[in-house]
Amino acid sequence: MIITGKENLVHFQLLQWKHALKGETLGIKFNRGRQPTVYSLVKKRLGFKGSREKVLAQLEKYIEEHKEKIGL
């Protein structure tokens, strides 16, 4: 499956962030210290605040609220 179009890529990225943030809450690292964590990216780009668990909950709620736009 190939994902094309800017809107589809944005939606796919939201789902990637969700799963990566779940991993980060379990202690899995997805960078080598040079790039920002998914947690900090989500906080910065979507304006969420709180701990990793709270930001994950906010992200899941955001995805659920925009489910129709995302096409899930």
N, C-alpha and C. Protein backbone atom coordinates (compact mmCIF):
# COMPACT_ATOMS: atom_id res chain seq x y z
N MET A 1 0.84 -1.17 0.00
CA MET A 1 0.00 0.00 0.00
C MET A 1 0.89 1.24 0.00
N ILE A 2 0.56 2.18 -0.84
CA ILE A 2 1.31 3.42 -0.94
C ILE A 2 0.40 4.55 -0.47
N ILE A 3 0.92 5.36 0.41
CA ILE A 3 0.16 6.50 0.92
C ILE A 3 0.61 7.73 0.16
N THR A 4 -0.33 8.39 -0.48
CA THR A 4 -0.01 9.59 -1.24
C THR A 4 -0.92 10.73 -0.81
N GLY A 5 -0.53 11.91 -1.12
CA GLY A 5 -1.31 13.09 -0.78
C GLY A 5 -0.95 13.62 0.59
N LYS A 6 -0.86 14.93 0.68
CA LYS A 6 -0.44 15.57 1.92
C LYS A 6 -1.37 15.23 3.08
N GLU A 7 -2.68 15.27 2.85
CA GLU A 7 -3.63 15.00 3.92
C GLU A 7 -3.50 13.57 4.44
N ASN A 8 -3.33 12.62 3.55
CA ASN A 8 -3.17 11.22 3.96
C ASN A 8 -1.89 11.01 4.75
N LEU A 9 -0.83 11.70 4.36
CA LEU A 9 0.43 11.58 5.09
C LEU A 9 0.32 12.15 6.49
N VAL A 10 -0.41 13.24 6.65
CA VAL A 10 -0.63 13.83 7.97
C VAL A 10 -1.39 12.86 8.86
N HIS A 11 -2.41 12.23 8.32
CA HIS A 11 -3.20 11.27 9.08
C HIS A 11 -2.36 10.06 9.48
N PHE A 12 -1.55 9.59 8.56
CA PHE A 12 -0.66 8.46 8.87
C PHE A 12 0.33 8.84 9.95
N GLN A 13 0.83 10.06 9.91
CA GLN A 13 1.79 10.52 10.92
C GLN A 13 1.15 10.55 12.30
N LEU A 14 -0.10 10.96 12.40
CA LEU A 14 -0.79 10.96 13.68
C LEU A 14 -0.82 9.55 14.28
N LEU A 15 -1.11 8.57 13.43
CA LEU A 15 -1.15 7.19 13.91
C LEU A 15 0.24 6.69 14.30
N GLN A 16 1.25 7.10 13.55
CA GLN A 16 2.62 6.75 13.92
C GLN A 16 2.99 7.33 15.27
N TRP A 17 2.63 8.59 15.48
CA TRP A 17 2.93 9.24 16.76
C TRP A 17 2.25 8.52 17.90
N LYS A 18 1.01 8.11 17.68
CA LYS A 18 0.26 7.42 18.73
C LYS A 18 0.99 6.15 19.17
N HIS A 19 1.39 5.34 18.21
CA HIS A 19 2.05 4.07 18.54
C HIS A 19 3.46 4.29 19.09
N ALA A 20 4.17 5.26 18.58
CA ALA A 20 5.51 5.55 19.09
C ALA A 20 5.43 6.10 20.52
N LEU A 21 4.44 6.92 20.79
CA LEU A 21 4.27 7.48 22.13
C LEU A 21 3.90 6.39 23.13
N LYS A 22 3.12 5.41 22.68
CA LYS A 22 2.82 4.26 23.54
C LYS A 22 4.12 3.55 23.91
N GLY A 23 5.00 3.38 22.93
CA GLY A 23 6.29 2.75 23.19
C GLY A 23 7.14 3.57 24.15
N GLU A 24 7.14 4.88 23.97
CA GLU A 24 7.92 5.75 24.86
C GLU A 24 7.41 5.68 26.29
N THR A 25 6.11 5.50 26.49
CA THR A 25 5.59 5.38 27.85
C THR A 25 6.07 4.09 28.50
N LEU A 26 6.44 3.11 27.68
CA LEU A 26 6.97 1.84 28.19
C LEU A 26 8.49 1.85 28.31
N GLY A 27 9.13 2.94 27.88
CA GLY A 27 10.57 3.06 28.01
C GLY A 27 11.36 2.80 26.74
N ILE A 28 10.68 2.59 25.63
CA ILE A 28 11.38 2.35 24.36
C ILE A 28 11.80 3.69 23.77
N LYS A 29 13.04 3.76 23.31
CA LYS A 29 13.54 5.00 22.70
C LYS A 29 13.52 4.86 21.18
N PHE A 30 13.07 5.91 20.51
CA PHE A 30 12.99 5.90 19.05
C PHE A 30 13.97 6.86 18.41
N ASN A 31 14.91 7.38 19.18
CA ASN A 31 15.93 8.25 18.62
C ASN A 31 17.26 7.94 19.28
N ARG A 32 18.29 8.54 18.77
CA ARG A 32 19.63 8.30 19.30
C ARG A 32 20.17 9.52 20.03
N GLY A 33 19.28 10.32 20.56
CA GLY A 33 19.68 11.49 21.31
C GLY A 33 19.86 12.74 20.48
N ARG A 34 19.77 12.60 19.17
CA ARG A 34 19.96 13.77 18.29
C ARG A 34 18.63 14.41 17.93
N GLN A 35 17.61 13.60 17.78
CA GLN A 35 16.29 14.10 17.41
C GLN A 35 15.44 14.24 18.67
N PRO A 36 14.42 15.09 18.58
CA PRO A 36 13.51 15.20 19.73
C PRO A 36 12.67 13.93 19.88
N THR A 37 12.19 13.68 21.06
CA THR A 37 11.33 12.52 21.29
C THR A 37 9.97 12.76 20.65
N VAL A 38 9.24 11.69 20.44
CA VAL A 38 7.88 11.81 19.91
C VAL A 38 7.02 12.61 20.88
N TYR A 39 7.25 12.38 22.16
CA TYR A 39 6.54 13.11 23.21
C TYR A 39 6.71 14.62 23.04
N SER A 40 7.93 15.08 22.85
CA SER A 40 8.16 16.52 22.70
C SER A 40 7.61 17.04 21.37
N LEU A 41 7.67 16.23 20.32
CA LEU A 41 7.11 16.65 19.03
C LEU A 41 5.60 16.85 19.11
N VAL A 42 4.92 15.89 19.73
CA VAL A 42 3.46 15.97 19.85
C VAL A 42 3.08 17.18 20.69
N LYS A 43 3.78 17.38 21.80
CA LYS A 43 3.49 18.53 22.66
C LYS A 43 3.67 19.84 21.89
N LYS A 44 4.73 19.93 21.13
CA LYS A 44 5.04 21.17 20.41
C LYS A 44 4.06 21.41 19.26
N ARG A 45 3.81 20.38 18.46
CA ARG A 45 2.99 20.57 17.26
C ARG A 45 1.50 20.64 17.54
N LEU A 46 1.02 19.94 18.57
CA LEU A 46 -0.41 19.94 18.85
C LEU A 46 -0.77 20.75 20.10
N GLY A 47 0.24 21.24 20.82
CA GLY A 47 0.00 22.11 21.96
C GLY A 47 -0.51 21.39 23.20
N PHE A 48 -0.27 20.08 23.31
CA PHE A 48 -0.71 19.33 24.47
C PHE A 48 0.24 19.57 25.64
N LYS A 49 -0.27 19.35 26.85
CA LYS A 49 0.55 19.53 28.05
C LYS A 49 0.36 18.33 28.96
N GLY A 50 1.39 18.05 29.76
CA GLY A 50 1.28 16.98 30.75
C GLY A 50 2.35 15.92 30.57
N SER A 51 2.18 14.84 31.32
CA SER A 51 3.11 13.71 31.26
C SER A 51 2.92 12.93 29.96
N ARG A 52 3.79 11.96 29.73
CA ARG A 52 3.67 11.14 28.53
C ARG A 52 2.31 10.46 28.45
N GLU A 53 1.85 9.95 29.58
CA GLU A 53 0.56 9.27 29.61
C GLU A 53 -0.59 10.22 29.31
N LYS A 54 -0.52 11.43 29.86
CA LYS A 54 -1.57 12.42 29.62
C LYS A 54 -1.56 12.90 28.18
N VAL A 55 -0.37 13.09 27.62
CA VAL A 55 -0.26 13.52 26.22
C VAL A 55 -0.76 12.41 25.30
N LEU A 56 -0.45 11.15 25.63
CA LEU A 56 -0.96 10.02 24.85
C LEU A 56 -2.49 9.99 24.88
N ALA A 57 -3.08 10.19 26.05
CA ALA A 57 -4.54 10.22 26.17
C ALA A 57 -5.13 11.36 25.35
N GLN A 58 -4.48 12.52 25.38
CA GLN A 58 -4.95 13.66 24.59
C GLN A 58 -4.85 13.38 23.09
N LEU A 59 -3.76 12.72 22.69
CA LEU A 59 -3.57 12.39 21.28
C LEU A 59 -4.62 11.38 20.82
N GLU A 60 -4.88 10.36 21.65
CA GLU A 60 -5.90 9.37 21.30
C GLU A 60 -7.28 10.03 21.18
N LYS A 61 -7.58 10.96 22.09
CA LYS A 61 -8.84 11.69 22.03
C LYS A 61 -8.91 12.54 20.77
N TYR A 62 -7.80 13.21 20.43
CA TYR A 62 -7.73 14.04 19.22
C TYR A 62 -7.99 13.20 17.98
N ILE A 63 -7.37 12.04 17.91
CA ILE A 63 -7.56 11.14 16.76
C ILE A 63 -9.01 10.67 16.70
N GLU A 64 -9.58 10.32 17.85
CA GLU A 64 -10.97 9.85 17.91
C GLU A 64 -11.93 10.95 17.46
N GLU A 65 -11.68 12.19 17.90
CA GLU A 65 -12.55 13.30 17.52
C GLU A 65 -12.45 13.63 16.04
N HIS A 66 -11.30 13.36 15.43
CA HIS A 66 -11.09 13.67 14.02
C HIS A 66 -11.11 12.41 13.16
N LYS A 67 -11.77 11.38 13.66
CA LYS A 67 -11.79 10.08 12.99
C LYS A 67 -12.32 10.15 11.58
N GLU A 68 -13.37 10.91 11.37
CA GLU A 68 -13.96 11.01 10.04
C GLU A 68 -13.01 11.68 9.05
N LYS A 69 -12.32 12.73 9.52
CA LYS A 69 -11.35 13.40 8.66
C LYS A 69 -10.19 12.49 8.32
N ILE A 70 -9.77 11.70 9.30
CA ILE A 70 -8.62 10.82 9.13
C ILE A 70 -8.99 9.64 8.24
N GLY A 71 -10.24 9.27 8.24
CA GLY A 71 -10.67 8.16 7.39
C GLY A 71 -10.52 6.80 8.05
N LEU A 72 -10.69 6.74 9.34
CA LEU A 72 -10.60 5.47 10.06
C LEU A 72 -11.98 4.89 10.28
